[in-house]
Amino acid sequence: MVLTPSSLGYTDTFASQYHALPQAIKKKVNRKLRLLSEDVHHESVRPCKVKSDKRYWEFKVDDDYEAVFKLNSARVMMYFVVDHKTFDKMF
């Protein structure tokens, strides 16, 4: 499934977490979101379902951060961008 940039949405939680990230991590998130908007299964993004809650998908931003989203039809809604420790507590 190929998604267009307009098919990306963001929750207030995601936006708040994103704005609190270090600039270097924001750049990585931006790159992954651009790739995700081009193709939800882009090989550089490698999204997978969250094991403990199959309603959500996740991708690694880098070795320390993950992003969580839901995929509905042809729309991606970003929910969280957190460090791995926080992700493990959430899911």
Protein backbone atom coordinates (compact mmCIF):
# COMPACT_ATOMS: atom_id res chain seq x y z
CA MET A 1 0.00 0.00 0.00
CA VAL A 2 1.45 3.35 -0.99
CA LEU A 3 0.45 6.31 1.16
CA THR A 4 0.71 9.99 0.36
CA PRO A 5 2.06 12.57 2.84
CA SER A 6 -1.47 13.88 3.37
CA SER A 7 -2.40 10.46 4.75
CA LEU A 8 -0.28 11.03 7.88
CA GLY A 9 -2.02 12.23 11.02
CA TYR A 10 -0.68 13.01 14.49
CA THR A 11 -2.24 12.83 17.93
CA ASP A 12 -1.59 15.60 20.44
CA THR A 13 0.43 13.10 22.47
CA PHE A 14 2.68 12.34 19.52
CA ALA A 15 3.15 16.04 18.79
CA SER A 16 4.05 16.77 22.41
CA GLN A 17 6.51 13.87 22.59
CA TYR A 18 8.03 14.84 19.24
CA HIS A 19 8.63 18.45 20.30
CA ALA A 20 10.43 17.24 23.44
CA LEU A 21 12.89 15.11 21.46
CA PRO A 22 16.51 16.14 20.87
CA GLN A 23 17.05 17.70 17.44
CA ALA A 24 19.08 14.73 16.17
CA ILE A 25 16.20 12.34 16.98
CA LYS A 26 13.66 14.68 15.36
CA LYS A 27 15.66 14.48 12.13
CA LYS A 28 15.53 10.68 12.26
CA VAL A 29 11.80 10.71 12.98
CA ASN A 30 11.23 13.12 10.07
CA ARG A 31 13.14 10.85 7.71
CA LYS A 32 11.19 7.75 8.80
CA LEU A 33 7.87 9.59 8.52
CA ARG A 34 8.74 10.76 5.01
CA LEU A 35 9.56 7.18 3.99
CA LEU A 36 6.44 5.86 5.74
CA SER A 37 4.30 8.39 3.88
CA GLU A 38 5.74 7.17 0.58
CA ASP A 39 5.19 3.47 1.35
CA VAL A 40 3.88 2.06 4.64
CA HIS A 41 6.03 -1.04 4.17
CA HIS A 42 9.22 0.78 3.13
CA GLU A 43 12.24 -1.43 3.77
CA SER A 44 14.04 1.33 5.70
CA VAL A 45 11.11 1.77 8.08
CA ARG A 46 10.31 -1.94 8.62
CA PRO A 47 7.07 -1.48 10.54
CA CYS A 48 5.63 -4.40 12.49
CA LYS A 49 2.61 -4.97 14.68
CA VAL A 50 3.06 -4.35 18.39
CA LYS A 51 3.15 -7.85 19.87
CA SER A 52 1.10 -7.07 22.97
CA ASP A 53 -1.54 -4.97 21.16
CA LYS A 54 -2.18 -5.86 17.52
CA ARG A 55 -4.19 -2.67 16.97
CA TYR A 56 -0.91 -0.73 16.81
CA TRP A 57 2.12 -0.80 14.53
CA GLU A 58 5.62 0.30 15.47
CA PHE A 59 8.95 1.13 13.90
CA LYS A 60 12.35 1.83 15.35
CA VAL A 61 13.53 5.38 14.93
CA ASP A 62 17.02 4.31 16.01
CA ASP A 63 18.55 2.09 18.69
CA ASP A 64 16.93 4.15 21.47
CA TYR A 65 13.54 5.34 20.19
CA GLU A 66 10.39 3.83 18.70
CA ALA A 67 7.31 5.29 17.06
CA VAL A 68 3.82 3.81 17.34
CA PHE A 69 0.98 4.27 14.88
CA LYS A 70 -2.33 2.85 13.71
CA LEU A 71 -3.06 2.04 10.11
CA ASN A 72 -6.68 2.53 9.02
CA SER A 73 -7.43 1.99 5.33
CA ALA A 74 -4.97 4.36 3.66
CA ARG A 75 -4.27 6.59 6.66
CA VAL A 76 -1.46 6.45 9.19
CA MET A 77 -2.17 8.02 12.58
CA MET A 78 0.93 8.56 14.70
CA TYR A 79 0.31 7.98 18.42
CA PHE A 80 3.63 7.88 20.28
CA VAL A 81 7.35 8.46 19.84
CA VAL A 82 9.17 7.28 22.95
CA ASP A 83 12.38 5.68 24.16
CA HIS A 84 12.48 1.89 24.38
CA LYS A 85 12.13 1.80 28.16
CA THR A 86 8.91 3.83 27.98
CA PHE A 87 7.67 1.72 25.07
CA ASP A 88 8.22 -1.48 27.10
CA LYS A 89 6.21 -0.01 29.99
CA MET A 90 3.38 1.04 27.66
CA PHE A 91 3.15 -2.23 25.77
